[in-house]
Amino acid sequence: MALRDRQRFDPIVSSTTEMNRGCAELWKNSDRSDLYDKLPTMAVTRQKRRQIASKCPWRARGRHGRSQPRILTAATVKHIEEQIAANSYPVLPDLGGLREFYRCMDCHAVWAAKSIFDKIREDEVCGVYDHAMIWKPYT
């Protein structure tokens, strides 16, 4: 669909195009020296993006990137529980309704928390669920 056809049916495209034409004509017909005086006030200040650091309890042990912990799905938790039953490992803690299991994407540690922003002690880590999907309990 050509721009002319889109302008006819879409009021946003039409008004944006009109605005751009108006700005171009204003720029073309204006004395540019007054615009340079306004530049410091017109300049948009860049906001620094807040980086979310890993909230992994083991981040002090080794190198961790800036990746966020991920929530384990019900299927993943079931797979871990099957491995626990087969190998007679200690059971996972009860979540108590509001908590979920989180997994660090850097070191694969698994812990239970209400959110990724909760501070968890190192001894509260349940275990490691590595990239090969093998559960190793942490005791």
Protein backbone atom coordinates (compact mmCIF):
# COMPACT_ATOMS: atom_id res chain seq x y z
CA MET A 1 0.00 0.00 0.00
CA ALA A 2 1.48 3.32 -1.03
CA LEU A 3 2.01 6.13 1.48
CA ARG A 4 -0.69 8.21 -0.19
CA ASP A 5 -3.23 5.41 0.28
CA ARG A 6 -2.18 4.89 3.91
CA GLN A 7 -2.57 8.61 4.60
CA ARG A 8 -6.10 8.52 3.32
CA PHE A 9 -7.16 5.70 5.67
CA ASP A 10 -4.89 6.09 8.69
CA PRO A 11 -5.16 9.38 10.60
CA ILE A 12 -1.92 8.74 12.54
CA VAL A 13 0.13 8.34 9.37
CA SER A 14 -1.57 11.38 7.92
CA SER A 15 -0.91 13.61 10.93
CA THR A 16 2.69 12.39 11.27
CA THR A 17 3.38 13.15 7.62
CA GLU A 18 1.79 16.59 7.96
CA MET A 19 3.91 17.27 11.03
CA ASN A 20 7.09 16.22 9.23
CA ARG A 21 6.25 18.48 6.29
CA GLY A 22 5.57 21.35 8.69
CA CYS A 23 8.92 20.83 10.46
CA ALA A 24 10.76 20.66 7.15
CA GLU A 25 9.18 23.90 5.96
CA LEU A 26 9.89 25.58 9.29
CA TRP A 27 13.53 24.52 9.10
CA LYS A 28 13.82 25.58 5.48
CA ASN A 29 12.27 29.03 6.07
CA SER A 30 13.86 29.82 9.43
CA ASP A 31 17.01 31.64 10.30
CA ARG A 32 19.08 28.70 11.56
CA SER A 33 21.13 30.77 14.00
CA ASP A 34 18.24 30.98 16.48
CA LEU A 35 17.90 27.20 16.48
CA TYR A 36 21.53 26.77 17.53
CA ASP A 37 20.84 28.98 20.55
CA LYS A 38 18.00 26.66 21.59
CA LEU A 39 19.94 23.41 21.14
CA PRO A 40 21.16 23.06 24.75
CA THR A 41 17.60 23.40 26.05
CA MET A 42 16.20 21.14 23.34
CA ALA A 43 18.80 18.41 23.84
CA VAL A 44 17.41 15.21 25.25
CA THR A 45 19.34 13.94 28.23
CA ARG A 46 20.24 10.29 27.90
CA GLN A 47 19.20 8.20 30.83
CA LYS A 48 21.57 5.52 31.92
CA ARG A 49 19.90 2.13 31.68
CA ARG A 50 19.81 0.37 34.98
CA GLN A 51 21.48 -2.98 34.65
CA ILE A 52 20.00 -5.79 36.69
CA ALA A 53 22.76 -7.77 38.31
CA SER A 54 22.37 -11.46 38.92
CA LYS A 55 20.71 -12.23 42.25
CA CYS A 56 22.24 -15.68 42.37
CA PRO A 57 23.32 -16.69 45.89
CA TRP A 58 26.54 -18.05 44.40
CA ARG A 59 27.52 -14.90 42.50
CA ALA A 60 30.44 -14.33 44.90
CA ARG A 61 31.88 -17.79 44.11
CA GLY A 62 32.66 -17.15 40.48
CA ARG A 63 32.07 -15.11 37.40
CA HIS A 64 28.45 -14.22 36.74
CA GLY A 65 27.08 -12.24 33.84
CA ARG A 66 24.15 -9.86 33.89
CA SER A 67 21.57 -12.50 33.03
CA GLN A 68 18.48 -12.76 35.18
CA PRO A 69 17.53 -15.96 36.96
CA ARG A 70 14.72 -17.85 35.24
CA ILE A 71 11.67 -19.44 36.81
CA LEU A 72 11.62 -23.22 36.56
CA THR A 73 8.54 -24.57 34.81
CA ALA A 74 6.32 -27.24 36.34
CA ALA A 75 7.68 -29.78 33.84
CA THR A 76 11.25 -28.99 34.89
CA VAL A 77 10.42 -29.31 38.59
CA LYS A 78 8.71 -32.64 37.86
CA HIS A 79 11.82 -33.83 36.01
CA ILE A 80 13.98 -32.86 38.99
CA GLU A 81 11.63 -34.68 41.38
CA GLU A 82 11.84 -37.82 39.22
CA GLN A 83 15.65 -37.72 39.45
CA ILE A 84 15.42 -37.16 43.22
CA ALA A 85 13.17 -40.22 43.61
CA ALA A 86 15.36 -42.38 41.37
CA ASN A 87 18.64 -41.46 43.11
CA SER A 88 17.26 -41.06 46.68
CA TYR A 89 18.44 -37.44 46.94
CA PRO A 90 17.02 -35.07 49.57
CA VAL A 91 13.60 -33.73 48.57
CA LEU A 92 12.99 -30.19 47.33
CA PRO A 93 11.65 -27.72 49.90
CA ASP A 94 7.92 -27.02 50.03
CA LEU A 95 7.16 -23.80 48.17
CA GLY A 96 4.33 -22.69 50.42
CA GLY A 97 2.20 -21.25 47.62
CA LEU A 98 3.89 -17.91 46.97
CA ARG A 99 7.44 -19.03 46.25
CA GLU A 100 8.86 -20.39 43.01
CA PHE A 101 12.05 -22.13 42.00
CA TYR A 102 14.63 -20.00 40.20
CA ARG A 103 17.67 -21.12 38.23
CA CYS A 104 20.78 -19.05 37.59
CA MET A 105 21.66 -19.02 33.91
CA ASP A 106 25.40 -18.73 34.64
CA CYS A 107 26.10 -21.37 37.30
CA HIS A 108 22.79 -23.34 37.10
CA ALA A 109 22.10 -23.10 40.84
CA VAL A 110 18.45 -23.62 41.84
CA TRP A 111 16.77 -21.95 44.82
CA ALA A 112 13.27 -21.13 46.07
CA ALA A 113 12.22 -17.49 46.49
CA LYS A 114 9.24 -15.15 46.14
CA SER A 115 10.94 -13.09 43.41
CA ILE A 116 14.30 -12.73 41.67
CA PHE A 117 14.97 -9.67 43.82
CA ASP A 118 14.96 -11.62 47.11
CA LYS A 119 18.34 -12.03 48.73
CA ILE A 120 19.02 -15.70 49.33
CA ARG A 121 21.79 -17.07 51.52
CA GLU A 122 24.32 -19.45 50.02
CA ASP A 123 23.12 -22.36 52.15
CA GLU A 124 19.53 -21.98 50.86
CA VAL A 125 20.49 -23.22 47.39
CA CYS A 126 18.66 -26.50 46.69
CA GLY A 127 21.04 -27.85 44.09
CA VAL A 128 22.37 -27.55 40.56
CA TYR A 129 20.33 -28.36 37.45
CA ASP A 130 22.92 -28.14 34.71
CA HIS A 131 22.59 -27.73 30.95
CA ALA A 132 22.47 -31.53 30.52
CA MET A 133 19.33 -31.55 32.73
CA ILE A 134 21.01 -33.51 35.52
CA TRP A 135 20.09 -32.66 39.11
CA LYS A 136 22.84 -32.51 41.73
CA PRO A 137 21.70 -31.61 45.25
CA TYR A 138 23.66 -29.07 47.28
CA THR A 139 24.28 -30.10 50.87
